[in-house]
């Protein structure tokens, strides 16, 4: 079967900037399908807390790779890239424009440029670091990572258990820093480098911050606490990958009685702001992205029509 060569559109940027709405608009107007590129939105138990597309967006175009992982399941950037490649091919085979949207920079990097060929870590080493994280918490391990790999530690939050333990287990097994492996990355044999139209949606952090606070309030109004309660019944182990996301972790602490709801909201707000700052820094350092403010979907649509043969 002949699959048409359709250049994907990538829409990146910080959390809460309106990427999903822009992607749905472009998919509707261009005859496309939206493919998720956000590591948190892969998890099935947290559609509200991770801001997965709502009914209005879903009605505009097909959406793929949302809400299919269980809390207990982890996923690497390499596996994500393989799944995304499959969806891109399937979407293109239907004559639709693939539109990838999300805020996980490593996913875009893995898909578009290849990733480092890190050797598989033995299960016993992986289990050891998981147990250490469970016993000590993520912050002491983040401090250890700062000693061993300060460049990578600076990019991740001290509560990001999944990335912290992943970096430490790779250092333990290979003797080389995670940032060294990232610097050594090369395009893979099956992904020698994919052309794409790169767009980003964002605002200066000072303008974005109040929007992020309002977004958290809207999530709570939409039932975020009840969603977390249901997830906790299904998966009481808050050290699993699905619980590591911002919002999930803070609500988990609230439900466990460790903090008040007000403290939960404040911690959630601070952690979201810090994450958005890291995303802005990451994507602004990458060449090739055209930046737009929220609500500039018409301009993004015109750019796509001007630069792509659709």
C-alpha atoms as a PDB file:
ATOM      1  CA  UNK A   1       0.000   0.000   0.000  1.00  0.00           C
ATOM      2  CA  UNK A   2       1.362   3.417  -0.948  1.00  0.00           C
ATOM      3  CA  UNK A   3       1.497   5.848   1.986  1.00  0.00           C
ATOM      4  CA  UNK A   4       1.577   9.521   0.939  1.00  0.00           C
ATOM      5  CA  UNK A   5       4.502  11.582   2.204  1.00  0.00           C
ATOM      6  CA  UNK A   6       2.767  14.157   4.379  1.00  0.00           C
ATOM      7  CA  UNK A   7       4.968  16.446   6.481  1.00  0.00           C
ATOM      8  CA  UNK A   8       3.826  16.403  10.118  1.00  0.00           C
ATOM      9  CA  UNK A   9       3.061  19.590  11.997  1.00  0.00           C
ATOM     10  CA  UNK A  10       4.536  19.792  15.506  1.00  0.00           C
ATOM     11  CA  UNK A  11       2.976  22.136  18.064  1.00  0.00           C
ATOM     12  CA  UNK A  12       5.063  22.468  21.222  1.00  0.00           C
ATOM     13  CA  UNK A  13       5.403  24.876  24.136  1.00  0.00           C
ATOM     14  CA  UNK A  14       4.765  25.244  27.855  1.00  0.00           C
ATOM     15  CA  UNK A  15       1.858  23.805  29.774  1.00  0.00           C
ATOM     16  CA  UNK A  16      -1.352  25.806  29.789  1.00  0.00           C
ATOM     17  CA  UNK A  17      -0.575  27.902  26.706  1.00  0.00           C
ATOM     18  CA  UNK A  18      -3.373  26.602  24.480  1.00  0.00           C
ATOM     19  CA  UNK A  19      -1.530  24.014  22.384  1.00  0.00           C
ATOM     20  CA  UNK A  20      -4.413  21.502  22.350  1.00  0.00           C
ATOM     21  CA  UNK A  21      -6.931  24.073  21.102  1.00  0.00           C
ATOM     22  CA  UNK A  22      -4.533  25.174  18.355  1.00  0.00           C
ATOM     23  CA  UNK A  23      -3.919  21.572  17.291  1.00  0.00           C
ATOM     24  CA  UNK A  24      -7.658  20.817  17.133  1.00  0.00           C
ATOM     25  CA  UNK A  25      -8.238  23.936  15.033  1.00  0.00           C
ATOM     26  CA  UNK A  26      -5.492  23.049  12.550  1.00  0.00           C
ATOM     27  CA  UNK A  27      -6.669  19.443  12.352  1.00  0.00           C
ATOM     28  CA  UNK A  28     -10.219  20.554  11.596  1.00  0.00           C
ATOM     29  CA  UNK A  29      -9.237  23.100   8.969  1.00  0.00           C
ATOM     30  CA  UNK A  30      -6.474  21.120   7.265  1.00  0.00           C
ATOM     31  CA  UNK A  31      -8.038  17.695   7.379  1.00  0.00           C
ATOM     32  CA  UNK A  32      -5.747  16.278  10.015  1.00  0.00           C
ATOM     33  CA  UNK A  33      -5.508  14.108  13.095  1.00  0.00           C
ATOM     34  CA  UNK A  34      -3.966  15.051  16.447  1.00  0.00           C
ATOM     35  CA  UNK A  35      -1.243  12.851  17.959  1.00  0.00           C
ATOM     36  CA  UNK A  36      -0.278  13.383  21.594  1.00  0.00           C
ATOM     37  CA  UNK A  37       3.341  14.286  22.434  1.00  0.00           C
ATOM     38  CA  UNK A  38       2.909  14.900  26.169  1.00  0.00           C
ATOM     39  CA  UNK A  39       4.176  12.255  28.594  1.00  0.00           C
ATOM     40  CA  UNK A  40       1.520  13.000  31.238  1.00  0.00           C
ATOM     41  CA  UNK A  41      -1.424  12.790  28.858  1.00  0.00           C
ATOM     42  CA  UNK A  42      -0.587   9.175  28.039  1.00  0.00           C
ATOM     43  CA  UNK A  43      -2.043   8.061  31.392  1.00  0.00           C
ATOM     44  CA  UNK A  44      -5.635   6.874  31.520  1.00  0.00           C
ATOM     45  CA  UNK A  45      -6.483   7.733  35.134  1.00  0.00           C
ATOM     46  CA  UNK A  46      -5.879  11.500  34.993  1.00  0.00           C
ATOM     47  CA  UNK A  47      -7.688  13.113  32.036  1.00  0.00           C
ATOM     48  CA  UNK A  48      -8.657  16.216  34.036  1.00  0.00           C
ATOM     49  CA  UNK A  49      -5.408  16.706  35.946  1.00  0.00           C
ATOM     50  CA  UNK A  50      -3.259  16.258  32.829  1.00  0.00           C
ATOM     51  CA  UNK A  51      -5.559  18.472  30.711  1.00  0.00           C
ATOM     52  CA  UNK A  52      -6.324  15.883  28.060  1.00  0.00           C
ATOM     53  CA  UNK A  53      -8.516  17.177  25.212  1.00  0.00           C
ATOM     54  CA  UNK A  54     -12.164  17.658  26.114  1.00  0.00           C
ATOM     55  CA  UNK A  55     -15.327  16.873  24.185  1.00  0.00           C
ATOM     56  CA  UNK A  56     -15.176  20.083  22.138  1.00  0.00           C
ATOM     57  CA  UNK A  57     -11.649  19.389  20.895  1.00  0.00           C
ATOM     58  CA  UNK A  58     -12.283  15.676  20.341  1.00  0.00           C
ATOM     59  CA  UNK A  59     -15.296  16.506  18.170  1.00  0.00           C
ATOM     60  CA  UNK A  60     -13.148  18.526  15.764  1.00  0.00           C
ATOM     61  CA  UNK A  61     -10.753  15.782  14.646  1.00  0.00           C
ATOM     62  CA  UNK A  62      -9.423  12.295  15.473  1.00  0.00           C
ATOM     63  CA  UNK A  63      -7.087  12.201  18.475  1.00  0.00           C
ATOM     64  CA  UNK A  64      -4.487   9.503  19.160  1.00  0.00           C
ATOM     65  CA  UNK A  65      -2.158   8.356  21.972  1.00  0.00           C
ATOM     66  CA  UNK A  66      -4.185   9.860  24.808  1.00  0.00           C
ATOM     67  CA  UNK A  67      -5.086   8.037  28.015  1.00  0.00           C
ATOM     68  CA  UNK A  68      -3.955   4.510  27.211  1.00  0.00           C
ATOM     69  CA  UNK A  69      -1.329   3.778  29.899  1.00  0.00           C
ATOM     70  CA  UNK A  70      -2.050   2.472  33.388  1.00  0.00           C
ATOM     71  CA  UNK A  71      -0.524   4.212  36.404  1.00  0.00           C
ATOM     72  CA  UNK A  72       1.904   1.352  36.896  1.00  0.00           C
ATOM     73  CA  UNK A  73       3.270   1.398  33.366  1.00  0.00           C
ATOM     74  CA  UNK A  74       6.378   3.342  32.427  1.00  0.00           C
ATOM     75  CA  UNK A  75       7.282   4.415  28.927  1.00  0.00           C
ATOM     76  CA  UNK A  76      10.569   5.495  27.395  1.00  0.00           C
ATOM     77  CA  UNK A  77      11.054   8.202  24.786  1.00  0.00           C
ATOM     78  CA  UNK A  78      12.128   5.492  22.374  1.00  0.00           C
ATOM     79  CA  UNK A  79       8.906   3.541  22.821  1.00  0.00           C
ATOM     80  CA  UNK A  80       6.889   6.733  22.476  1.00  0.00           C
ATOM     81  CA  UNK A  81       8.676   7.553  19.204  1.00  0.00           C
ATOM     82  CA  UNK A  82       7.861   4.103  17.811  1.00  0.00           C
ATOM     83  CA  UNK A  83       4.185   4.480  18.743  1.00  0.00           C
ATOM     84  CA  UNK A  84       4.081   7.971  17.256  1.00  0.00           C
ATOM     85  CA  UNK A  85       5.693   6.762  14.026  1.00  0.00           C
ATOM     86  CA  UNK A  86       3.004   4.103  13.729  1.00  0.00           C
ATOM     87  CA  UNK A  87       0.265   6.692  14.216  1.00  0.00           C
ATOM     88  CA  UNK A  88       1.863   9.119  11.762  1.00  0.00           C
ATOM     89  CA  UNK A  89       1.954   6.373   9.142  1.00  0.00           C
ATOM     90  CA  UNK A  90      -1.643   5.337   9.852  1.00  0.00           C
ATOM     91  CA  UNK A  91      -2.883   8.922   9.702  1.00  0.00           C
ATOM     92  CA  UNK A  92      -0.964   9.634   6.478  1.00  0.00           C
ATOM     93  CA  UNK A  93      -2.363   6.446   4.935  1.00  0.00           C
ATOM     94  CA  UNK A  94      -5.820   7.960   5.430  1.00  0.00           C
ATOM     95  CA  UNK A  95      -4.724  11.133   3.661  1.00  0.00           C
ATOM     96  CA  UNK A  96      -4.834  13.127   6.895  1.00  0.00           C
ATOM     97  CA  UNK A  97      -2.232  15.605   8.144  1.00  0.00           C
ATOM     98  CA  UNK A  98      -0.436  14.343  11.298  1.00  0.00           C
ATOM     99  CA  UNK A  99      -0.406  17.073  13.950  1.00  0.00           C
ATOM    100  CA  UNK A 100       1.735  16.278  16.984  1.00  0.00           C
ATOM    101  CA  UNK A 101       1.087  18.374  20.061  1.00  0.00           C
ATOM    102  CA  UNK A 102       2.563  18.398  23.553  1.00  0.00           C
ATOM    103  CA  UNK A 103       5.099  19.779  25.952  1.00  0.00           C
ATOM    104  CA  UNK A 104       7.549  16.872  26.329  1.00  0.00           C
ATOM    105  CA  UNK A 105      10.666  18.032  24.539  1.00  0.00           C
ATOM    106  CA  UNK A 106      12.364  14.642  24.651  1.00  0.00           C
ATOM    107  CA  UNK A 107       9.451  13.093  22.761  1.00  0.00           C
ATOM    108  CA  UNK A 108       9.838  15.557  19.890  1.00  0.00           C
ATOM    109  CA  UNK A 109      13.591  15.024  19.978  1.00  0.00           C
ATOM    110  CA  UNK A 110      13.265  11.238  19.875  1.00  0.00           C
ATOM    111  CA  UNK A 111      10.791  11.362  17.026  1.00  0.00           C
ATOM    112  CA  UNK A 112      12.432  14.011  14.851  1.00  0.00           C
ATOM    113  CA  UNK A 113      16.154  13.517  15.475  1.00  0.00           C
ATOM    114  CA  UNK A 114      16.663  10.116  17.083  1.00  0.00           C
ATOM    115  CA  UNK A 115      17.821   9.349  20.605  1.00  0.00           C
ATOM    116  CA  UNK A 116      20.860   8.011  22.398  1.00  0.00           C
ATOM    117  CA  UNK A 117      21.377   4.270  22.202  1.00  0.00           C
ATOM    118  CA  UNK A 118      21.461   3.718  25.987  1.00  0.00           C
ATOM    119  CA  UNK A 119      22.082   0.056  26.892  1.00  0.00           C
ATOM    120  CA  UNK A 120      19.163  -1.660  28.663  1.00  0.00           C
ATOM    121  CA  UNK A 121      19.565  -1.450  32.432  1.00  0.00           C
ATOM    122  CA  UNK A 122      19.316  -4.807  34.242  1.00  0.00           C
ATOM    123  CA  UNK A 123      16.117  -5.262  36.212  1.00  0.00           C
ATOM    124  CA  UNK A 124      17.968  -5.687  39.511  1.00  0.00           C
ATOM    125  CA  UNK A 125      19.598  -2.249  39.155  1.00  0.00           C
ATOM    126  CA  UNK A 126      16.274  -0.696  38.177  1.00  0.00           C
ATOM    127  CA  UNK A 127      14.584  -2.326  41.182  1.00  0.00           C
ATOM    128  CA  UNK A 128      17.322  -1.123  43.532  1.00  0.00           C
ATOM    129  CA  UNK A 129      16.820   2.513  42.586  1.00  0.00           C
ATOM    130  CA  UNK A 130      13.057   2.172  42.793  1.00  0.00           C
ATOM    131  CA  UNK A 131      13.403   0.817  46.326  1.00  0.00           C
ATOM    132  CA  UNK A 132      15.773   3.635  47.302  1.00  0.00           C
ATOM    133  CA  UNK A 133      13.310   6.185  46.005  1.00  0.00           C
ATOM    134  CA  UNK A 134      10.499   4.532  47.924  1.00  0.00           C
ATOM    135  CA  UNK A 135      12.546   4.500  51.128  1.00  0.00           C
ATOM    136  CA  UNK A 136      14.151   7.951  50.909  1.00  0.00           C
ATOM    137  CA  UNK A 137      11.867   9.966  48.646  1.00  0.00           C
ATOM    138  CA  UNK A 138      12.757  11.742  45.429  1.00  0.00           C
ATOM    139  CA  UNK A 139      14.419  14.861  46.842  1.00  0.00           C
ATOM    140  CA  UNK A 140      17.491  13.139  48.378  1.00  0.00           C
ATOM    141  CA  UNK A 141      17.966  11.214  45.145  1.00  0.00           C
ATOM    142  CA  UNK A 142      17.671  14.445  43.177  1.00  0.00           C
ATOM    143  CA  UNK A 143      20.433  15.872  45.392  1.00  0.00           C
ATOM    144  CA  UNK A 144      22.550  12.808  44.567  1.00  0.00           C
ATOM    145  CA  UNK A 145      21.846  13.314  40.874  1.00  0.00           C
ATOM    146  CA  UNK A 146      23.009  16.936  41.178  1.00  0.00           C
ATOM    147  CA  UNK A 147      26.376  15.596  42.341  1.00  0.00           C
ATOM    148  CA  UNK A 148      26.659  12.971  39.612  1.00  0.00           C
ATOM    149  CA  UNK A 149      25.049  14.802  36.692  1.00  0.00           C
ATOM    150  CA  UNK A 150      24.340  18.472  37.494  1.00  0.00           C
ATOM    151  CA  UNK A 151      23.430  19.302  33.881  1.00  0.00           C
ATOM    152  CA  UNK A 152      20.579  16.795  33.759  1.00  0.00           C
ATOM    153  CA  UNK A 153      19.481  17.390  37.361  1.00  0.00           C
ATOM    154  CA  UNK A 154      18.956  21.064  36.530  1.00  0.00           C
ATOM    155  CA  UNK A 155      16.401  20.097  33.861  1.00  0.00           C
ATOM    156  CA  UNK A 156      14.084  17.994  36.037  1.00  0.00           C
ATOM    157  CA  UNK A 157      11.991  18.651  39.118  1.00  0.00           C
ATOM    158  CA  UNK A 158      13.081  17.194  42.495  1.00  0.00           C
ATOM    159  CA  UNK A 159       9.736  15.353  42.671  1.00  0.00           C
ATOM    160  CA  UNK A 160      10.060  13.720  39.242  1.00  0.00           C
ATOM    161  CA  UNK A 161      10.720  10.230  40.556  1.00  0.00           C
ATOM    162  CA  UNK A 162      10.619   8.532  37.162  1.00  0.00           C
ATOM    163  CA  UNK A 163      13.283  10.695  35.503  1.00  0.00           C
ATOM    164  CA  UNK A 164      15.478  10.890  38.621  1.00  0.00           C
ATOM    165  CA  UNK A 165      15.628   7.136  39.101  1.00  0.00           C
ATOM    166  CA  UNK A 166      16.067   6.569  35.369  1.00  0.00           C
ATOM    167  CA  UNK A 167      19.096   8.881  35.286  1.00  0.00           C
ATOM    168  CA  UNK A 168      20.649   7.311  38.384  1.00  0.00           C
ATOM    169  CA  UNK A 169      20.172   3.744  37.193  1.00  0.00           C
ATOM    170  CA  UNK A 170      21.798   4.595  33.848  1.00  0.00           C
ATOM    171  CA  UNK A 171      24.752   6.214  35.644  1.00  0.00           C
ATOM    172  CA  UNK A 172      24.996   3.203  37.956  1.00  0.00           C
ATOM    173  CA  UNK A 173      25.029   0.713  35.080  1.00  0.00           C
ATOM    174  CA  UNK A 174      27.020   2.549  32.407  1.00  0.00           C
ATOM    175  CA  UNK A 175      29.304   4.755  34.477  1.00  0.00           C
ATOM    176  CA  UNK A 176      28.381   7.707  32.264  1.00  0.00           C
ATOM    177  CA  UNK A 177      26.099  10.646  33.033  1.00  0.00           C
ATOM    178  CA  UNK A 178      22.641  10.768  31.505  1.00  0.00           C
ATOM    179  CA  UNK A 179      23.518  14.146  29.941  1.00  0.00           C
ATOM    180  CA  UNK A 180      26.543  12.476  28.293  1.00  0.00           C
ATOM    181  CA  UNK A 181      24.259   9.929  26.644  1.00  0.00           C
ATOM    182  CA  UNK A 182      21.940  12.689  25.455  1.00  0.00           C
ATOM    183  CA  UNK A 183      24.896  14.549  23.921  1.00  0.00           C
ATOM    184  CA  UNK A 184      25.913  11.342  22.141  1.00  0.00           C
ATOM    185  CA  UNK A 185      22.493  10.762  20.609  1.00  0.00           C
ATOM    186  CA  UNK A 186      22.391  10.025  16.911  1.00  0.00           C
ATOM    187  CA  UNK A 187      19.507   9.501  14.515  1.00  0.00           C
ATOM    188  CA  UNK A 188      18.397   5.883  14.647  1.00  0.00           C
ATOM    189  CA  UNK A 189      18.426   3.614  11.610  1.00  0.00           C
ATOM    190  CA  UNK A 190      14.660   3.767  11.204  1.00  0.00           C
ATOM    191  CA  UNK A 191      14.434   7.485  12.077  1.00  0.00           C
ATOM    192  CA  UNK A 192      17.308   9.190  10.227  1.00  0.00           C
ATOM    193  CA  UNK A 193      15.738  12.594  10.790  1.00  0.00           C
ATOM    194  CA  UNK A 194      12.176  13.545   9.990  1.00  0.00           C
ATOM    195  CA  UNK A 195      11.206  16.848   8.349  1.00  0.00           C
ATOM    196  CA  UNK A 196       8.417  18.671  10.130  1.00  0.00           C
ATOM    197  CA  UNK A 197       6.798  22.069  10.405  1.00  0.00           C
ATOM    198  CA  UNK A 198       7.733  23.272  13.887  1.00  0.00           C
ATOM    199  CA  UNK A 199       5.431  25.634  15.777  1.00  0.00           C
ATOM    200  CA  UNK A 200       5.260  26.631  19.423  1.00  0.00           C
ATOM    201  CA  UNK A 201       2.582  28.362  21.501  1.00  0.00           C
ATOM    202  CA  UNK A 202       3.640  30.348  24.529  1.00  0.00           C
ATOM    203  CA  UNK A 203       3.794  33.539  26.539  1.00  0.00           C
ATOM    204  CA  UNK A 204       6.419  35.203  28.718  1.00  0.00           C
ATOM    205  CA  UNK A 205       6.326  33.491  32.100  1.00  0.00           C
ATOM    206  CA  UNK A 206       4.976  36.582  33.846  1.00  0.00           C
ATOM    207  CA  UNK A 207       1.927  36.537  31.552  1.00  0.00           C
ATOM    208  CA  UNK A 208       1.520  32.773  31.661  1.00  0.00           C
ATOM    209  CA  UNK A 209       1.652  32.383  35.448  1.00  0.00           C
ATOM    210  CA  UNK A 210      -1.823  33.781  36.294  1.00  0.00           C
ATOM    211  CA  UNK A 211      -3.319  31.601  33.550  1.00  0.00           C
ATOM    212  CA  UNK A 212      -1.737  28.555  35.149  1.00  0.00           C
ATOM    213  CA  UNK A 213      -3.273  29.411  38.528  1.00  0.00           C
ATOM    214  CA  UNK A 214      -6.703  29.803  36.968  1.00  0.00           C
ATOM    215  CA  UNK A 215      -6.248  26.535  35.113  1.00  0.00           C
ATOM    216  CA  UNK A 216      -5.674  24.669  38.379  1.00  0.00           C
ATOM    217  CA  UNK A 217      -8.862  26.166  39.818  1.00  0.00           C
ATOM    218  CA  UNK A 218     -10.793  25.040  36.739  1.00  0.00           C
ATOM    219  CA  UNK A 219      -9.385  21.529  37.081  1.00  0.00           C
ATOM    220  CA  UNK A 220     -10.529  21.389  40.684  1.00  0.00           C
ATOM    221  CA  UNK A 221     -13.979  22.639  39.679  1.00  0.00           C
ATOM    222  CA  UNK A 222     -14.096  19.943  36.984  1.00  0.00           C
ATOM    223  CA  UNK A 223     -13.516  17.168  39.527  1.00  0.00           C
ATOM    224  CA  UNK A 224      -9.745  16.767  39.869  1.00  0.00           C
ATOM    225  CA  UNK A 225      -9.991  15.634  43.507  1.00  0.00           C
ATOM    226  CA  UNK A 226     -12.568  12.955  42.717  1.00  0.00           C
ATOM    227  CA  UNK A 227     -10.445  11.843  39.772  1.00  0.00           C
ATOM    228  CA  UNK A 228      -7.417  11.445  42.041  1.00  0.00           C
ATOM    229  CA  UNK A 229      -9.495   9.582  44.640  1.00  0.00           C
ATOM    230  CA  UNK A 230     -10.644   7.098  41.992  1.00  0.00           C
ATOM    231  CA  UNK A 231      -7.081   6.683  40.742  1.00  0.00           C
ATOM    232  CA  UNK A 232      -5.861   6.059  44.284  1.00  0.00           C
ATOM    233  CA  UNK A 233      -8.375   3.257  44.732  1.00  0.00           C
ATOM    234  CA  UNK A 234      -7.211   1.668  41.490  1.00  0.00           C
ATOM    235  CA  UNK A 235      -3.504   2.201  42.203  1.00  0.00           C
ATOM    236  CA  UNK A 236      -2.653   2.993  45.856  1.00  0.00           C
ATOM    237  CA  UNK A 237       1.098   3.039  45.164  1.00  0.00           C
ATOM    238  CA  UNK A 238       1.897   6.692  44.601  1.00  0.00           C
ATOM    239  CA  UNK A 239       5.446   5.802  43.538  1.00  0.00           C
ATOM    240  CA  UNK A 240       4.219   4.440  40.219  1.00  0.00           C
ATOM    241  CA  UNK A 241       4.954   6.426  37.016  1.00  0.00           C
ATOM    242  CA  UNK A 242       1.406   7.701  36.539  1.00  0.00           C
ATOM    243  CA  UNK A 243       1.398   9.417  39.932  1.00  0.00           C
ATOM    244  CA  UNK A 244       4.616  11.350  39.228  1.00  0.00           C
ATOM    245  CA  UNK A 245       2.939  14.052  37.155  1.00  0.00           C
ATOM    246  CA  UNK A 246       2.444  17.568  38.463  1.00  0.00           C
ATOM    247  CA  UNK A 247      -1.017  17.833  39.972  1.00  0.00           C
ATOM    248  CA  UNK A 248      -1.234  14.074  40.475  1.00  0.00           C
ATOM    249  CA  UNK A 249       1.603  14.051  43.012  1.00  0.00           C
ATOM    250  CA  UNK A 250       0.269  17.041  44.942  1.00  0.00           C
ATOM    251  CA  UNK A 251      -3.301  15.717  45.069  1.00  0.00           C
ATOM    252  CA  UNK A 252      -1.943  12.349  46.157  1.00  0.00           C
ATOM    253  CA  UNK A 253      -0.289  14.034  49.124  1.00  0.00           C
ATOM    254  CA  UNK A 254      -3.516  15.844  49.967  1.00  0.00           C
ATOM    255  CA  UNK A 255      -5.552  12.637  49.854  1.00  0.00           C
ATOM    256  CA  UNK A 256      -2.961  10.921  52.047  1.00  0.00           C
ATOM    257  CA  UNK A 257      -3.440  13.650  54.681  1.00  0.00           C
ATOM    258  CA  UNK A 258       0.107  14.937  54.305  1.00  0.00           C
ATOM    259  CA  UNK A 259      -0.900  18.497  53.311  1.00  0.00           C
ATOM    260  CA  UNK A 260      -4.033  20.648  53.312  1.00  0.00           C
ATOM    261  CA  UNK A 261      -5.964  21.418  50.144  1.00  0.00           C
ATOM    262  CA  UNK A 262      -4.701  25.014  50.204  1.00  0.00           C
ATOM    263  CA  UNK A 263      -1.103  23.824  50.548  1.00  0.00           C
ATOM    264  CA  UNK A 264      -1.755  21.324  47.770  1.00  0.00           C
ATOM    265  CA  UNK A 265      -2.992  24.084  45.457  1.00  0.00           C
ATOM    266  CA  UNK A 266      -0.027  26.330  46.260  1.00  0.00           C
ATOM    267  CA  UNK A 267       2.484  23.516  45.724  1.00  0.00           C
ATOM    268  CA  UNK A 268       0.719  22.526  42.506  1.00  0.00           C
ATOM    269  CA  UNK A 269       0.870  26.137  41.299  1.00  0.00           C
ATOM    270  CA  UNK A 270       4.570  26.534  42.133  1.00  0.00           C
ATOM    271  CA  UNK A 271       5.538  23.238  40.536  1.00  0.00           C
ATOM    272  CA  UNK A 272       3.501  24.038  37.415  1.00  0.00           C
ATOM    273  CA  UNK A 273       5.195  27.425  37.104  1.00  0.00           C
ATOM    274  CA  UNK A 274       8.638  25.832  37.475  1.00  0.00           C
ATOM    275  CA  UNK A 275       7.769  23.219  34.847  1.00  0.00           C
ATOM    276  CA  UNK A 276       6.492  25.848  32.418  1.00  0.00           C
ATOM    277  CA  UNK A 277       9.717  27.804  32.901  1.00  0.00           C
ATOM    278  CA  UNK A 278      11.788  24.720  32.061  1.00  0.00           C
ATOM    279  CA  UNK A 279       9.653  24.044  28.989  1.00  0.00           C
ATOM    280  CA  UNK A 280      10.028  27.613  27.749  1.00  0.00           C
ATOM    281  CA  UNK A 281      13.787  27.419  28.204  1.00  0.00           C
ATOM    282  CA  UNK A 282      13.999  24.050  26.431  1.00  0.00           C
ATOM    283  CA  UNK A 283      11.909  24.901  23.396  1.00  0.00           C
ATOM    284  CA  UNK A 284      13.292  28.417  22.950  1.00  0.00           C
ATOM    285  CA  UNK A 285      16.778  26.898  22.772  1.00  0.00           C
ATOM    286  CA  UNK A 286      15.733  24.657  19.882  1.00  0.00           C
ATOM    287  CA  UNK A 287      16.114  26.085  16.375  1.00  0.00           C
ATOM    288  CA  UNK A 288      13.353  25.974  13.823  1.00  0.00           C
ATOM    289  CA  UNK A 289      10.291  26.744  15.962  1.00  0.00           C
ATOM    290  CA  UNK A 290       7.986  29.588  14.936  1.00  0.00           C
ATOM    291  CA  UNK A 291       6.386  31.062  18.073  1.00  0.00           C
ATOM    292  CA  UNK A 292       2.783  32.207  18.492  1.00  0.00           C
ATOM    293  CA  UNK A 293       0.742  33.594  21.330  1.00  0.00           C
ATOM    294  CA  UNK A 294      -2.393  31.802  22.572  1.00  0.00           C
ATOM    295  CA  UNK A 295      -5.338  32.511  20.308  1.00  0.00           C
ATOM    296  CA  UNK A 296      -3.248  32.974  17.173  1.00  0.00           C
ATOM    297  CA  UNK A 297      -4.631  29.836  15.562  1.00  0.00           C
ATOM    298  CA  UNK A 298      -5.509  31.712  12.357  1.00  0.00           C
ATOM    299  CA  UNK A 299      -1.890  32.784  11.913  1.00  0.00           C
ATOM    300  CA  UNK A 300      -0.696  29.238  12.576  1.00  0.00           C
ATOM    301  CA  UNK A 301      -3.166  27.934  10.030  1.00  0.00           C
ATOM    302  CA  UNK A 302      -1.940  30.400   7.419  1.00  0.00           C
ATOM    303  CA  UNK A 303       1.673  29.416   8.078  1.00  0.00           C
ATOM    304  CA  UNK A 304       0.801  25.750   7.595  1.00  0.00           C
ATOM    305  CA  UNK A 305      -0.972  26.476   4.328  1.00  0.00           C
ATOM    306  CA  UNK A 306       1.908  28.627   3.074  1.00  0.00           C
ATOM    307  CA  UNK A 307       4.694  26.203   3.957  1.00  0.00           C
ATOM    308  CA  UNK A 308       3.141  22.787   3.378  1.00  0.00           C
ATOM    309  CA  UNK A 309       1.765  21.154   0.275  1.00  0.00           C
ATOM    310  CA  UNK A 310      -1.546  19.860   1.573  1.00  0.00           C
END
